[in-house]
Amino acid sequence: MKILLIQFKAIGDVLMCTPAIRFLREKFQNAIITFLVNDYAFDAIRYNPNIDNFIIFKRKMKWLKYIQQLLKLGKYNFDIVIDFHRNPRASIATLFTGAKKRISFKEKHRNFIYNITIEPPDESTTYAAIKKLQLLQPFGISEQDDFLPELYITEKEKKWANNIWNILGFKRDDLVIAISPVSPRPYKIWPSDNFVQLCDYLIDKYEAKIIFTWGPGEYHIIKSILQKMRNQLEINYEISSILQVKALYEKCSLYIGNDNGHRHIAITADIPTIGIFDNPQTCYHWLPPDNTKHRIIYSAKKGIQNVSLENVIKSVDNIILDIE
C-alpha cells in the first residue's frame, strides 16, 4: 500500500501532522508512506522514522515547473492520499495523484476532488494535532491521548548545542530560559520593549540565563532587544536550522515566546512553554489540552499589544515555581 500525506507549510502545521503519521505507521507497518512538503518546512520531518519517502516542492516555483511536478505525482501510483492542508495547491496535487482514496476535510470549495471527506471540528477549541488525527477515522483510528508533536534531530545538532552551552558558559544547574520574540507575521510579535523588561526581570530575580532563538531575516529583532537591556548579553552563535533550535530547547528549562513555529518545536523538546497570543478566538487551536506544562497568555481584547507585561510575568513566576 502506498500512502501520500500532504502538508505544504508551515513548520508548525507540519509538526502538527506527526501524531497522525505515528498512528498511521502503527496501523500500516508495511505501507510505504510518502510526505509532500515545501522545501522550507522539510526539516520538520526530515529525520522522522515513520516516513519512507519525501516529495519536496519549492515554496516559490514558476508555474511550468509546478505543473511538471504535478504531472509526476501520478507515476507514483498512490493508493491513498490524505490532504492535511486543503489549500488550492494541495487540492490540485491530490487530484493529480489519481489515487483511489482521496481524504480531506469537508469544506465549501473543492469537495469534488475528494471521495472521502470528514466534518472538520471547531478550530477555536480543538488542538491542531487532534484535528489532523481526525482524518484517520476512515481507517478505524480514533482520537488518541497521544497527540503531542515530535521532531527528530541527529547527534550533529546535539553536539552543536553542547558546544554553544560551553561557549556561553552555561552550567548544568542553571535556569536557562529560551526566548523567541519573533514571528514571520508582524501582528503576532509582542512589543520588543516588553521582551526587554521581561528578560531583565528574569535575570535580576532568578539569575536566569537567556538564550534567544530566531529564524531567517529575524535577527534584527533580537539585536534591538539586546541593545535596550540593562543586563548585557552576547550572542556568540548563529542558528541555521530548526534542528539546531530543537537541540537548544532540549537543554533549556523553559520557553517563552510569540505564537510561532519555535513554540511548537519547544513542545517537541518536552520543556514547559509560555506562548503569547494576539487572538483569544484562535489560541486554543495551538494549545495541547489538559496539559499544565504548556500555557498561553492573551488579552480579552484582540491584538498582541494588549497583552500586559504584568500578566506574562505572573505566568512566568508560576511556571518557574513549578519547575523549582
C-alpha atoms as a PDB file:
ATOM      1  CA  MET A   1       0.000   0.000   0.000  1.00  0.00           C
ATOM      2  CA  LYS A   2       1.265   3.454  -0.939  1.00  0.00           C
ATOM      3  CA  ILE A   3       0.093   6.424   1.134  1.00  0.00           C
ATOM      4  CA  LEU A   4       0.747  10.078   0.320  1.00  0.00           C
ATOM      5  CA  LEU A   5       0.396  12.747   3.011  1.00  0.00           C
ATOM      6  CA  ILE A   6       0.213  16.419   2.002  1.00  0.00           C
ATOM      7  CA  GLN A   7       1.084  19.435   4.157  1.00  0.00           C
ATOM      8  CA  PHE A   8       2.964  22.101   2.252  1.00  0.00           C
ATOM      9  CA  LYS A   9       3.563  24.567   5.089  1.00  0.00           C
ATOM     10  CA  ALA A  10       4.347  25.885   7.641  1.00  0.00           C
ATOM     11  CA  ILE A  11       6.745  24.424  10.222  1.00  0.00           C
ATOM     12  CA  GLY A  12       4.130  24.336  12.968  1.00  0.00           C
ATOM     13  CA  ASP A  13       1.489  22.843  10.671  1.00  0.00           C
ATOM     14  CA  VAL A  14       3.876  20.131   9.520  1.00  0.00           C
ATOM     15  CA  LEU A  15       4.763  19.268  13.126  1.00  0.00           C
ATOM     16  CA  MET A  16       1.045  19.006  13.880  1.00  0.00           C
ATOM     17  CA  CYS A  17       0.894  16.143  11.350  1.00  0.00           C
ATOM     18  CA  THR A  18       3.423  13.994  13.204  1.00  0.00           C
ATOM     19  CA  PRO A  19       0.997  12.329  15.662  1.00  0.00           C
ATOM     20  CA  ALA A  20      -1.154  11.233  12.699  1.00  0.00           C
ATOM     21  CA  ILE A  21       1.948   9.935  10.915  1.00  0.00           C
ATOM     22  CA  ARG A  22       2.883   7.986  14.035  1.00  0.00           C
ATOM     23  CA  PHE A  23      -0.516   6.274  14.233  1.00  0.00           C
ATOM     24  CA  LEU A  24      -0.590   5.553  10.508  1.00  0.00           C
ATOM     25  CA  ARG A  25       2.733   3.748  10.805  1.00  0.00           C
ATOM     26  CA  GLU A  26       1.442   1.703  13.738  1.00  0.00           C
ATOM     27  CA  LYS A  27      -1.679   0.782  11.767  1.00  0.00           C
ATOM     28  CA  PHE A  28       0.024   0.059   8.429  1.00  0.00           C
ATOM     29  CA  GLN A  29       3.502  -1.184   9.295  1.00  0.00           C
ATOM     30  CA  ASN A  30       4.254  -2.404   5.784  1.00  0.00           C
ATOM     31  CA  ALA A  31       2.857   0.602   3.935  1.00  0.00           C
ATOM     32  CA  ILE A  32       5.103   2.982   2.003  1.00  0.00           C
ATOM     33  CA  ILE A  33       4.392   6.421   3.456  1.00  0.00           C
ATOM     34  CA  THR A  34       5.401   9.482   1.444  1.00  0.00           C
ATOM     35  CA  PHE A  35       5.142  13.085   2.613  1.00  0.00           C
ATOM     36  CA  LEU A  36       4.695  16.058   0.260  1.00  0.00           C
ATOM     37  CA  VAL A  37       6.062  19.262   1.786  1.00  0.00           C
ATOM     38  CA  ASN A  38       7.532  22.658   0.890  1.00  0.00           C
ATOM     39  CA  ASP A  39      11.313  22.934   0.975  1.00  0.00           C
ATOM     40  CA  TYR A  40      11.463  25.432   3.841  1.00  0.00           C
ATOM     41  CA  ALA A  41       9.390  23.179   6.154  1.00  0.00           C
ATOM     42  CA  PHE A  42      11.239  19.964   5.215  1.00  0.00           C
ATOM     43  CA  ASP A  43      13.448  19.944   8.323  1.00  0.00           C
ATOM     44  CA  ALA A  44      10.338  19.477  10.461  1.00  0.00           C
ATOM     45  CA  ILE A  45      10.081  15.879   9.194  1.00  0.00           C
ATOM     46  CA  ARG A  46      13.475  15.250   7.570  1.00  0.00           C
ATOM     47  CA  TYR A  47      14.509  12.547  10.071  1.00  0.00           C
ATOM     48  CA  ASN A  48      11.065  11.225  11.015  1.00  0.00           C
ATOM     49  CA  PRO A  49      11.458   7.411  11.056  1.00  0.00           C
ATOM     50  CA  ASN A  50       7.778   6.856  10.239  1.00  0.00           C
ATOM     51  CA  ILE A  51       8.157   8.338   6.747  1.00  0.00           C
ATOM     52  CA  ASP A  52       9.715   6.376   3.887  1.00  0.00           C
ATOM     53  CA  ASN A  53       9.923   8.968   1.112  1.00  0.00           C
ATOM     54  CA  PHE A  54       9.598  12.702   0.574  1.00  0.00           C
ATOM     55  CA  ILE A  55       8.364  14.823  -2.308  1.00  0.00           C
ATOM     56  CA  ILE A  56       9.618  18.374  -1.924  1.00  0.00           C
ATOM     57  CA  PHE A  57       8.048  21.322  -3.701  1.00  0.00           C
ATOM     58  CA  LYS A  58       9.883  24.632  -3.640  1.00  0.00           C
ATOM     59  CA  ARG A  59       7.914  27.381  -1.956  1.00  0.00           C
ATOM     60  CA  LYS A  60       8.476  29.750  -4.854  1.00  0.00           C
ATOM     61  CA  MET A  61       8.173  27.922  -8.127  1.00  0.00           C
ATOM     62  CA  LYS A  62       7.313  29.017 -11.659  1.00  0.00           C
ATOM     63  CA  TRP A  63       4.047  27.621 -12.964  1.00  0.00           C
ATOM     64  CA  LEU A  64       5.707  25.494 -15.655  1.00  0.00           C
ATOM     65  CA  LYS A  65       7.933  23.779 -13.086  1.00  0.00           C
ATOM     66  CA  TYR A  66       4.943  23.384 -10.747  1.00  0.00           C
ATOM     67  CA  ILE A  67       2.891  21.687 -13.465  1.00  0.00           C
ATOM     68  CA  GLN A  68       5.802  19.389 -14.308  1.00  0.00           C
ATOM     69  CA  GLN A  69       5.988  18.248 -10.692  1.00  0.00           C
ATOM     70  CA  LEU A  70       2.229  17.759 -10.564  1.00  0.00           C
ATOM     71  CA  LEU A  71       2.366  15.505 -13.614  1.00  0.00           C
ATOM     72  CA  LYS A  72       4.965  13.323 -11.898  1.00  0.00           C
ATOM     73  CA  LEU A  73       2.622  12.598  -8.979  1.00  0.00           C
ATOM     74  CA  GLY A  74       0.515  10.162 -11.000  1.00  0.00           C
ATOM     75  CA  LYS A  75       3.562   7.981 -11.695  1.00  0.00           C
ATOM     76  CA  TYR A  76       3.890   7.032  -8.029  1.00  0.00           C
ATOM     77  CA  ASN A  77       0.608   5.062  -8.126  1.00  0.00           C
ATOM     78  CA  PHE A  78      -0.523   6.122  -4.671  1.00  0.00           C
ATOM     79  CA  ASP A  79      -3.434   4.141  -3.248  1.00  0.00           C
ATOM     80  CA  ILE A  80      -4.398   6.719  -0.620  1.00  0.00           C
ATOM     81  CA  VAL A  81      -3.894  10.464  -0.315  1.00  0.00           C
ATOM     82  CA  ILE A  82      -4.554  12.332   2.917  1.00  0.00           C
ATOM     83  CA  ASP A  83      -4.579  16.087   2.371  1.00  0.00           C
ATOM     84  CA  PHE A  84      -3.907  17.722   5.739  1.00  0.00           C
ATOM     85  CA  HIS A  85      -3.534  21.168   4.178  1.00  0.00           C
ATOM     86  CA  ARG A  86      -6.613  21.576   1.972  1.00  0.00           C
ATOM     87  CA  ASN A  87      -5.496  24.782   0.249  1.00  0.00           C
ATOM     88  CA  PRO A  88      -5.837  25.154  -3.556  1.00  0.00           C
ATOM     89  CA  ARG A  89      -2.348  23.830  -4.337  1.00  0.00           C
ATOM     90  CA  ALA A  90      -2.750  20.836  -2.042  1.00  0.00           C
ATOM     91  CA  SER A  91      -6.133  20.047  -3.578  1.00  0.00           C
ATOM     92  CA  ILE A  92      -4.701  20.214  -7.098  1.00  0.00           C
ATOM     93  CA  ALA A  93      -1.818  17.946  -6.064  1.00  0.00           C
ATOM     94  CA  THR A  94      -4.335  15.473  -4.637  1.00  0.00           C
ATOM     95  CA  LEU A  95      -6.241  15.450  -7.915  1.00  0.00           C
ATOM     96  CA  PHE A  96      -3.106  14.824  -9.989  1.00  0.00           C
ATOM     97  CA  THR A  97      -2.155  11.724  -7.963  1.00  0.00           C
ATOM     98  CA  GLY A  98      -5.115   9.789  -9.336  1.00  0.00           C
ATOM     99  CA  ALA A  99      -5.318   7.869  -6.046  1.00  0.00           C
ATOM    100  CA  LYS A 100      -8.393   5.728  -5.445  1.00  0.00           C
ATOM    101  CA  LYS A 101      -8.925   7.121  -1.944  1.00  0.00           C
ATOM    102  CA  ARG A 102      -8.576  10.882  -1.502  1.00  0.00           C
ATOM    103  CA  ILE A 103      -9.245  12.124   2.012  1.00  0.00           C
ATOM    104  CA  SER A 104      -9.571  15.588   3.487  1.00  0.00           C
ATOM    105  CA  PHE A 105     -11.891  17.818   5.490  1.00  0.00           C
ATOM    106  CA  LYS A 106     -15.265  18.830   4.134  1.00  0.00           C
ATOM    107  CA  GLU A 107     -15.412  22.482   3.090  1.00  0.00           C
ATOM    108  CA  LYS A 108     -17.362  24.779   0.778  1.00  0.00           C
ATOM    109  CA  HIS A 109     -14.876  24.539  -2.062  1.00  0.00           C
ATOM    110  CA  ARG A 110     -13.162  21.700  -3.950  1.00  0.00           C
ATOM    111  CA  ASN A 111     -15.080  18.864  -2.283  1.00  0.00           C
ATOM    112  CA  PHE A 112     -15.365  17.181  -5.696  1.00  0.00           C
ATOM    113  CA  ILE A 113     -11.634  16.355  -5.556  1.00  0.00           C
ATOM    114  CA  TYR A 114     -12.056  14.087  -2.529  1.00  0.00           C
ATOM    115  CA  ASN A 115     -14.155  10.941  -2.308  1.00  0.00           C
ATOM    116  CA  ILE A 116     -13.852  10.697   1.488  1.00  0.00           C
ATOM    117  CA  THR A 117     -14.482  13.866   3.480  1.00  0.00           C
ATOM    118  CA  ILE A 118     -14.517  14.381   7.242  1.00  0.00           C
ATOM    119  CA  GLU A 119     -16.538  17.032   9.034  1.00  0.00           C
ATOM    120  CA  PRO A 120     -13.972  19.458  10.489  1.00  0.00           C
ATOM    121  CA  PRO A 121     -14.017  20.173  14.242  1.00  0.00           C
ATOM    122  CA  ASP A 122     -14.316  23.612  15.790  1.00  0.00           C
ATOM    123  CA  GLU A 123     -10.848  25.138  15.379  1.00  0.00           C
ATOM    124  CA  SER A 124     -11.389  27.563  18.246  1.00  0.00           C
ATOM    125  CA  THR A 125     -11.434  24.669  20.731  1.00  0.00           C
ATOM    126  CA  THR A 126      -9.621  21.784  19.003  1.00  0.00           C
ATOM    127  CA  TYR A 127      -5.847  21.389  19.167  1.00  0.00           C
ATOM    128  CA  ALA A 128      -4.415  21.350  15.638  1.00  0.00           C
ATOM    129  CA  ALA A 129      -2.762  17.936  16.022  1.00  0.00           C
ATOM    130  CA  ILE A 130      -6.042  16.411  17.213  1.00  0.00           C
ATOM    131  CA  LYS A 131      -7.838  17.935  14.231  1.00  0.00           C
ATOM    132  CA  LYS A 132      -5.392  16.275  11.843  1.00  0.00           C
ATOM    133  CA  LEU A 133      -5.780  12.961  13.668  1.00  0.00           C
ATOM    134  CA  GLN A 134      -9.481  13.027  12.825  1.00  0.00           C
ATOM    135  CA  LEU A 135      -8.627  12.485   9.165  1.00  0.00           C
ATOM    136  CA  LEU A 136      -7.638   8.931  10.144  1.00  0.00           C
ATOM    137  CA  GLN A 137     -11.208   7.973  11.055  1.00  0.00           C
ATOM    138  CA  PRO A 138     -11.735   6.050   7.767  1.00  0.00           C
ATOM    139  CA  PHE A 139      -9.013   3.630   8.924  1.00  0.00           C
ATOM    140  CA  GLY A 140     -10.616   2.971  12.303  1.00  0.00           C
ATOM    141  CA  ILE A 141      -8.088   5.177  14.068  1.00  0.00           C
ATOM    142  CA  SER A 142      -9.933   7.239  16.649  1.00  0.00           C
ATOM    143  CA  GLU A 143      -8.773  10.320  18.512  1.00  0.00           C
ATOM    144  CA  GLN A 144      -5.946   9.392  20.861  1.00  0.00           C
ATOM    145  CA  ASP A 145      -4.463  10.788  24.050  1.00  0.00           C
ATOM    146  CA  ASP A 146      -1.006  10.636  22.458  1.00  0.00           C
ATOM    147  CA  PHE A 147      -1.323  13.782  20.352  1.00  0.00           C
ATOM    148  CA  LEU A 148       1.847  15.752  21.029  1.00  0.00           C
ATOM    149  CA  PRO A 149       4.055  16.521  18.014  1.00  0.00           C
ATOM    150  CA  GLU A 150       7.588  15.234  17.580  1.00  0.00           C
ATOM    151  CA  LEU A 151      10.696  16.496  15.827  1.00  0.00           C
ATOM    152  CA  TYR A 152      13.692  14.235  15.277  1.00  0.00           C
ATOM    153  CA  ILE A 153      17.250  15.549  15.238  1.00  0.00           C
ATOM    154  CA  THR A 154      20.675  13.949  14.917  1.00  0.00           C
ATOM    155  CA  GLU A 155      23.797  13.765  17.060  1.00  0.00           C
ATOM    156  CA  LYS A 156      25.241  16.534  14.898  1.00  0.00           C
ATOM    157  CA  GLU A 157      22.728  19.060  16.240  1.00  0.00           C
ATOM    158  CA  LYS A 158      23.125  17.801  19.807  1.00  0.00           C
ATOM    159  CA  LYS A 159      26.898  18.248  19.656  1.00  0.00           C
ATOM    160  CA  TRP A 160      26.393  21.723  18.209  1.00  0.00           C
ATOM    161  CA  ALA A 161      24.106  22.675  21.130  1.00  0.00           C
ATOM    162  CA  ASN A 162      26.590  21.292  23.666  1.00  0.00           C
ATOM    163  CA  ASN A 163      29.269  23.458  22.095  1.00  0.00           C
ATOM    164  CA  ILE A 164      27.057  26.556  22.343  1.00  0.00           C
ATOM    165  CA  TRP A 165      26.472  25.791  26.033  1.00  0.00           C
ATOM    166  CA  ASN A 166      30.225  25.653  26.577  1.00  0.00           C
ATOM    167  CA  ILE A 167      30.807  28.888  24.681  1.00  0.00           C
ATOM    168  CA  LEU A 168      28.147  30.678  26.729  1.00  0.00           C
ATOM    169  CA  GLY A 169      29.474  29.232  29.984  1.00  0.00           C
ATOM    170  CA  PHE A 170      26.146  27.677  30.990  1.00  0.00           C
ATOM    171  CA  LYS A 171      26.259  25.104  33.801  1.00  0.00           C
ATOM    172  CA  ARG A 172      24.136  22.019  34.396  1.00  0.00           C
ATOM    173  CA  ASP A 173      22.109  23.581  37.230  1.00  0.00           C
ATOM    174  CA  ASP A 174      21.487  26.948  35.550  1.00  0.00           C
ATOM    175  CA  LEU A 175      17.945  28.117  34.903  1.00  0.00           C
ATOM    176  CA  VAL A 176      18.174  28.561  31.138  1.00  0.00           C
ATOM    177  CA  ILE A 177      15.185  30.237  29.512  1.00  0.00           C
ATOM    178  CA  ALA A 178      14.687  30.269  25.767  1.00  0.00           C
ATOM    179  CA  ILE A 179      13.188  33.490  24.430  1.00  0.00           C
ATOM    180  CA  SER A 180      11.729  33.651  20.910  1.00  0.00           C
ATOM    181  CA  PRO A 181      10.464  37.210  20.351  1.00  0.00           C
ATOM    182  CA  VAL A 182       9.967  36.734  16.603  1.00  0.00           C
ATOM    183  CA  SER A 183       7.311  35.768  14.099  1.00  0.00           C
ATOM    184  CA  PRO A 184       7.006  35.979  10.309  1.00  0.00           C
ATOM    185  CA  ARG A 185       3.688  37.766  10.917  1.00  0.00           C
ATOM    186  CA  PRO A 186       4.159  41.250  12.438  1.00  0.00           C
ATOM    187  CA  TYR A 187       0.773  41.207  14.169  1.00  0.00           C
ATOM    188  CA  LYS A 188       1.956  38.226  16.224  1.00  0.00           C
ATOM    189  CA  ILE A 189       5.029  39.993  17.611  1.00  0.00           C
ATOM    190  CA  TRP A 190       4.717  41.149  21.218  1.00  0.00           C
ATOM    191  CA  PRO A 191       6.325  44.623  21.552  1.00  0.00           C
ATOM    192  CA  SER A 192      10.088  44.316  21.891  1.00  0.00           C
ATOM    193  CA  ASP A 193      10.167  46.716  24.854  1.00  0.00           C
ATOM    194  CA  ASN A 194       8.122  44.160  26.781  1.00  0.00           C
ATOM    195  CA  PHE A 195      10.677  41.464  25.994  1.00  0.00           C
ATOM    196  CA  VAL A 196      13.426  43.829  27.140  1.00  0.00           C
ATOM    197  CA  GLN A 197      11.768  44.265  30.543  1.00  0.00           C
ATOM    198  CA  LEU A 198      10.913  40.571  30.794  1.00  0.00           C
ATOM    199  CA  CYS A 199      14.493  39.459  30.137  1.00  0.00           C
ATOM    200  CA  ASP A 200      15.915  41.930  32.663  1.00  0.00           C
ATOM    201  CA  TYR A 201      13.336  40.730  35.193  1.00  0.00           C
ATOM    202  CA  LEU A 202      14.288  37.072  34.693  1.00  0.00           C
ATOM    203  CA  ILE A 203      17.987  37.836  35.110  1.00  0.00           C
ATOM    204  CA  ASP A 204      17.501  40.099  38.133  1.00  0.00           C
ATOM    205  CA  LYS A 205      15.065  37.891  40.046  1.00  0.00           C
ATOM    206  CA  TYR A 206      16.125  34.372  39.095  1.00  0.00           C
ATOM    207  CA  GLU A 207      19.689  34.833  37.818  1.00  0.00           C
ATOM    208  CA  ALA A 208      18.358  33.159  34.706  1.00  0.00           C
ATOM    209  CA  LYS A 209      20.470  32.534  31.650  1.00  0.00           C
ATOM    210  CA  ILE A 210      18.794  33.745  28.468  1.00  0.00           C
ATOM    211  CA  ILE A 211      19.163  32.118  25.080  1.00  0.00           C
ATOM    212  CA  PHE A 212      17.461  33.759  22.098  1.00  0.00           C
ATOM    213  CA  THR A 213      16.200  31.898  19.046  1.00  0.00           C
ATOM    214  CA  TRP A 214      15.118  33.314  15.699  1.00  0.00           C
ATOM    215  CA  GLY A 215      14.583  32.414  12.082  1.00  0.00           C
ATOM    216  CA  PRO A 216      15.918  33.727   8.752  1.00  0.00           C
ATOM    217  CA  GLY A 217      15.742  37.512   8.496  1.00  0.00           C
ATOM    218  CA  GLU A 218      14.666  37.951  12.123  1.00  0.00           C
ATOM    219  CA  TYR A 219      17.916  38.626  13.952  1.00  0.00           C
ATOM    220  CA  HIS A 220      17.333  42.399  13.867  1.00  0.00           C
ATOM    221  CA  ILE A 221      14.546  41.871  16.426  1.00  0.00           C
ATOM    222  CA  ILE A 222      16.978  40.125  18.763  1.00  0.00           C
ATOM    223  CA  LYS A 223      19.566  42.852  18.241  1.00  0.00           C
ATOM    224  CA  SER A 224      17.110  45.616  19.144  1.00  0.00           C
ATOM    225  CA  ILE A 225      16.224  43.844  22.405  1.00  0.00           C
ATOM    226  CA  LEU A 226      19.868  43.308  23.343  1.00  0.00           C
ATOM    227  CA  GLN A 227      20.652  46.982  22.779  1.00  0.00           C
ATOM    228  CA  LYS A 228      17.916  48.085  25.200  1.00  0.00           C
ATOM    229  CA  MET A 229      18.503  45.594  28.025  1.00  0.00           C
ATOM    230  CA  ARG A 230      20.190  46.735  31.250  1.00  0.00           C
ATOM    231  CA  ASN A 231      21.857  43.345  31.587  1.00  0.00           C
ATOM    232  CA  GLN A 232      24.375  42.937  28.804  1.00  0.00           C
ATOM    233  CA  LEU A 233      24.264  39.686  26.848  1.00  0.00           C
ATOM    234  CA  GLU A 234      26.327  38.471  23.942  1.00  0.00           C
ATOM    235  CA  ILE A 235      25.115  36.312  21.092  1.00  0.00           C
ATOM    236  CA  ASN A 236      28.073  34.103  20.195  1.00  0.00           C
ATOM    237  CA  TYR A 237      26.191  31.758  17.921  1.00  0.00           C
ATOM    238  CA  GLU A 238      24.240  31.629  14.682  1.00  0.00           C
ATOM    239  CA  ILE A 239      21.187  29.477  14.013  1.00  0.00           C
ATOM    240  CA  SER A 240      20.894  27.891  10.589  1.00  0.00           C
ATOM    241  CA  SER A 241      18.098  25.336  11.036  1.00  0.00           C
ATOM    242  CA  ILE A 242      15.120  24.394  13.178  1.00  0.00           C
ATOM    243  CA  LEU A 243      17.002  21.198  14.029  1.00  0.00           C
ATOM    244  CA  GLN A 244      19.540  23.333  15.891  1.00  0.00           C
ATOM    245  CA  VAL A 245      16.664  25.157  17.601  1.00  0.00           C
ATOM    246  CA  LYS A 246      15.312  21.821  18.848  1.00  0.00           C
ATOM    247  CA  ALA A 247      18.753  20.850  20.152  1.00  0.00           C
ATOM    248  CA  LEU A 248      18.978  24.112  22.107  1.00  0.00           C
ATOM    249  CA  TYR A 249      15.488  23.711  23.554  1.00  0.00           C
ATOM    250  CA  GLU A 250      16.253  20.211  24.787  1.00  0.00           C
ATOM    251  CA  LYS A 251      18.818  21.784  27.104  1.00  0.00           C
ATOM    252  CA  CYS A 252      16.587  24.651  28.314  1.00  0.00           C
ATOM    253  CA  SER A 253      14.361  24.871  31.393  1.00  0.00           C
ATOM    254  CA  LEU A 254      11.553  26.936  29.862  1.00  0.00           C
ATOM    255  CA  TYR A 255      10.402  28.535  26.609  1.00  0.00           C
ATOM    256  CA  ILE A 256       8.748  31.968  26.371  1.00  0.00           C
ATOM    257  CA  GLY A 257       7.782  33.435  23.035  1.00  0.00           C
ATOM    258  CA  ASN A 258       5.250  34.519  20.461  1.00  0.00           C
ATOM    259  CA  ASP A 259       2.807  32.366  18.551  1.00  0.00           C
ATOM    260  CA  ASN A 260       5.348  30.953  16.103  1.00  0.00           C
ATOM    261  CA  GLY A 261       6.902  27.726  14.870  1.00  0.00           C
ATOM    262  CA  HIS A 262       9.569  27.796  17.565  1.00  0.00           C
ATOM    263  CA  ARG A 263       6.923  27.322  20.251  1.00  0.00           C
ATOM    264  CA  HIS A 264       5.830  24.070  18.608  1.00  0.00           C
ATOM    265  CA  ILE A 265       9.475  22.990  18.468  1.00  0.00           C
ATOM    266  CA  ALA A 266       9.786  23.688  22.205  1.00  0.00           C
ATOM    267  CA  ILE A 267       6.785  21.443  22.833  1.00  0.00           C
ATOM    268  CA  THR A 268       8.553  18.628  20.954  1.00  0.00           C
ATOM    269  CA  ALA A 269      11.545  19.196  23.272  1.00  0.00           C
ATOM    270  CA  ASP A 270       9.307  18.401  26.268  1.00  0.00           C
ATOM    271  CA  ILE A 271      10.019  21.613  28.155  1.00  0.00           C
ATOM    272  CA  PRO A 272       7.395  23.948  29.673  1.00  0.00           C
ATOM    273  CA  THR A 273       6.226  26.669  27.318  1.00  0.00           C
ATOM    274  CA  ILE A 274       4.523  30.034  27.615  1.00  0.00           C
ATOM    275  CA  GLY A 275       3.019  31.364  24.398  1.00  0.00           C
ATOM    276  CA  ILE A 276       1.944  34.968  23.915  1.00  0.00           C
ATOM    277  CA  PHE A 277      -1.021  35.208  21.532  1.00  0.00           C
ATOM    278  CA  ASP A 278      -2.719  38.010  19.667  1.00  0.00           C
ATOM    279  CA  ASN A 279      -6.173  36.461  19.262  1.00  0.00           C
ATOM    280  CA  PRO A 280      -8.252  34.849  22.038  1.00  0.00           C
ATOM    281  CA  GLN A 281     -10.500  33.213  19.428  1.00  0.00           C
ATOM    282  CA  THR A 282      -7.806  31.019  17.860  1.00  0.00           C
ATOM    283  CA  CYS A 283      -5.197  30.448  20.560  1.00  0.00           C
ATOM    284  CA  TYR A 284      -6.673  27.184  21.852  1.00  0.00           C
ATOM    285  CA  HIS A 285      -6.214  25.686  18.398  1.00  0.00           C
ATOM    286  CA  TRP A 286      -2.488  25.742  19.216  1.00  0.00           C
ATOM    287  CA  LEU A 287      -2.631  24.591  22.847  1.00  0.00           C
ATOM    288  CA  PRO A 288      -2.351  20.924  23.866  1.00  0.00           C
ATOM    289  CA  PRO A 289      -5.429  20.285  26.036  1.00  0.00           C
ATOM    290  CA  ASP A 290      -5.302  19.233  29.685  1.00  0.00           C
ATOM    291  CA  ASN A 291      -1.581  19.912  29.905  1.00  0.00           C
ATOM    292  CA  THR A 292      -0.416  22.437  32.510  1.00  0.00           C
ATOM    293  CA  LYS A 293       3.141  22.282  31.178  1.00  0.00           C
ATOM    294  CA  HIS A 294       2.076  24.431  28.218  1.00  0.00           C
ATOM    295  CA  ARG A 295       0.355  27.749  28.836  1.00  0.00           C
ATOM    296  CA  ILE A 296      -0.902  30.625  26.750  1.00  0.00           C
ATOM    297  CA  ILE A 297      -1.413  34.288  27.527  1.00  0.00           C
ATOM    298  CA  TYR A 298      -3.701  36.622  25.628  1.00  0.00           C
ATOM    299  CA  SER A 299      -5.818  39.693  26.164  1.00  0.00           C
ATOM    300  CA  ALA A 300      -9.597  39.656  26.057  1.00  0.00           C
ATOM    301  CA  LYS A 301      -9.190  42.466  23.546  1.00  0.00           C
ATOM    302  CA  LYS A 302      -7.755  41.271  20.246  1.00  0.00           C
ATOM    303  CA  GLY A 303      -4.235  42.479  19.491  1.00  0.00           C
ATOM    304  CA  ILE A 304      -0.947  41.264  20.917  1.00  0.00           C
ATOM    305  CA  GLN A 305      -0.058  44.764  22.066  1.00  0.00           C
ATOM    306  CA  ASN A 306      -2.884  44.416  24.587  1.00  0.00           C
ATOM    307  CA  VAL A 307      -1.171  41.520  26.388  1.00  0.00           C
ATOM    308  CA  SER A 308       0.244  43.084  29.540  1.00  0.00           C
ATOM    309  CA  LEU A 309       3.759  42.563  30.809  1.00  0.00           C
ATOM    310  CA  GLU A 310       2.326  42.012  34.287  1.00  0.00           C
ATOM    311  CA  ASN A 311       0.256  39.017  33.156  1.00  0.00           C
ATOM    312  CA  VAL A 312       3.235  37.453  31.399  1.00  0.00           C
ATOM    313  CA  ILE A 313       5.447  37.902  34.465  1.00  0.00           C
ATOM    314  CA  LYS A 314       2.757  36.364  36.674  1.00  0.00           C
ATOM    315  CA  SER A 315       2.558  33.300  34.459  1.00  0.00           C
ATOM    316  CA  VAL A 316       6.356  33.044  34.341  1.00  0.00           C
ATOM    317  CA  ASP A 317       6.593  33.213  38.140  1.00  0.00           C
ATOM    318  CA  ASN A 318       4.015  30.425  38.487  1.00  0.00           C
ATOM    319  CA  ILE A 319       5.657  28.105  35.995  1.00  0.00           C
ATOM    320  CA  ILE A 320       9.163  28.666  37.409  1.00  0.00           C
ATOM    321  CA  LEU A 321       7.788  27.847  40.856  1.00  0.00           C
ATOM    322  CA  ASP A 322       6.564  24.524  39.418  1.00  0.00           C
ATOM    323  CA  ILE A 323       9.970  23.877  37.808  1.00  0.00           C
ATOM    324  CA  GLU A 324      11.842  24.509  41.029  1.00  0.00           C
END
